[in-house]
Amino acid sequence: MEHQFTYRIEAQEAGQTIEYFLKRRGYSRQILIQLKKTPDGILRNGIWAYTRDRLEACDKLTIRLVEKMSSEQIEPVLLPFGVVYEDTDLLVVNKPAKMSIHPSMNHHNDTLANAVAAYALKKGETYPYRCINRLDRDTTGLLILAKHMLSAAILYEQMRERKIQRTYLALVKGRIEASGVLDLPIGRKPGSTIERIIDYEHGERAVTHYTPIRTGDNWTLLKCILETGRTHQIRVHMSAIGHPLPGDFLYGPEDTEAERQLLHSFRLSFTHPITKEPMVFTEPLPEDMKAYMNSDSKGDYLYEISDDTREL
């Protein structure tokens, strides 16, 4: 798949090398190496150029990004998932429950990767599967996928710099009636490849901001904003303060109240990697979380619903 990007050099950019100019726009070292090997990968005013060449005002710089790699090893399988937004650079999807993001030993052809491969094939497109943020298999909601290596490089950098804000809605056991911040380090549980624990000695810093939105007889719907992105962060933090998620077999007591941990990636905000426009997406609560709350007639709203949760 090929993508072409054109830049008109402004007066204040004159004198910059092409390499410096492109790095400031998110081109990684790997992309620059590939461009050097690509015929007509870098054109200055229609003529092939070196990355060390210096730009002049009003120059036209054309970048030809050819991506031969695809996810051929991922089997295309028609599976349901929601497309929230799509353009030539990225895809925002709504992942359903019971769907892993990547194929694994026990999940070869029932993952989001398989579903996206089939979706792209149906549209006559091919691009590597690059998932920018991650969700657990049983967590629903919004995910960003990059459709080429430049958008991936820029979005990954936004993740590293914590410029992609993720808001989750979590149903937890018990009543929580005040907002709070959990700053508890998380590490891997000894002897387990999956489970995490609060680990003050070896764990990495993990910060979760939470606000109660609605409460029932023995549950609370929380809005959680992650300052960090550790594995199972919300699940581990809420369990640590005595409010595990219903249906969470790893961090809560065994129960039959829910078939999965009731956690939903509700809101994503980030800067578009190419157009630089602000992007904000929300996805309403899934039906199983609504049903859990509706089963309790004593549900009450604690606070006025803010703009980003009015779809509840």
Foldseek 3Di string as FASTA:
>chain_A
DKDKDKDAAAQVQFFDFQLVVVVVLQQDPVQLVVLVVDVPQWDWQNHDDDSRDTDHHRIMIMGMRDDPDFPVQQAADADDWAFPDDDQWKTKTKFAAQAAADADPVRRQRHVLNNVCNVQVVVVHTAHWAWQDGDGRGAIEITMTTRYDRQNSQSNVCQVVVQKKWKKKFKWWADDQAKDKDWFFKDCDPPDPADIARDPPPGDTWMKTWDFFKDFPTITIIIIITSHDDHCRVQRRCLVVPIHFPCDPRRDDDDDLDVHRQMYRAKIWHARSPPRHIDIDGDAGDPVVVVSQVVGPRMDTNDDDDPSHPSD
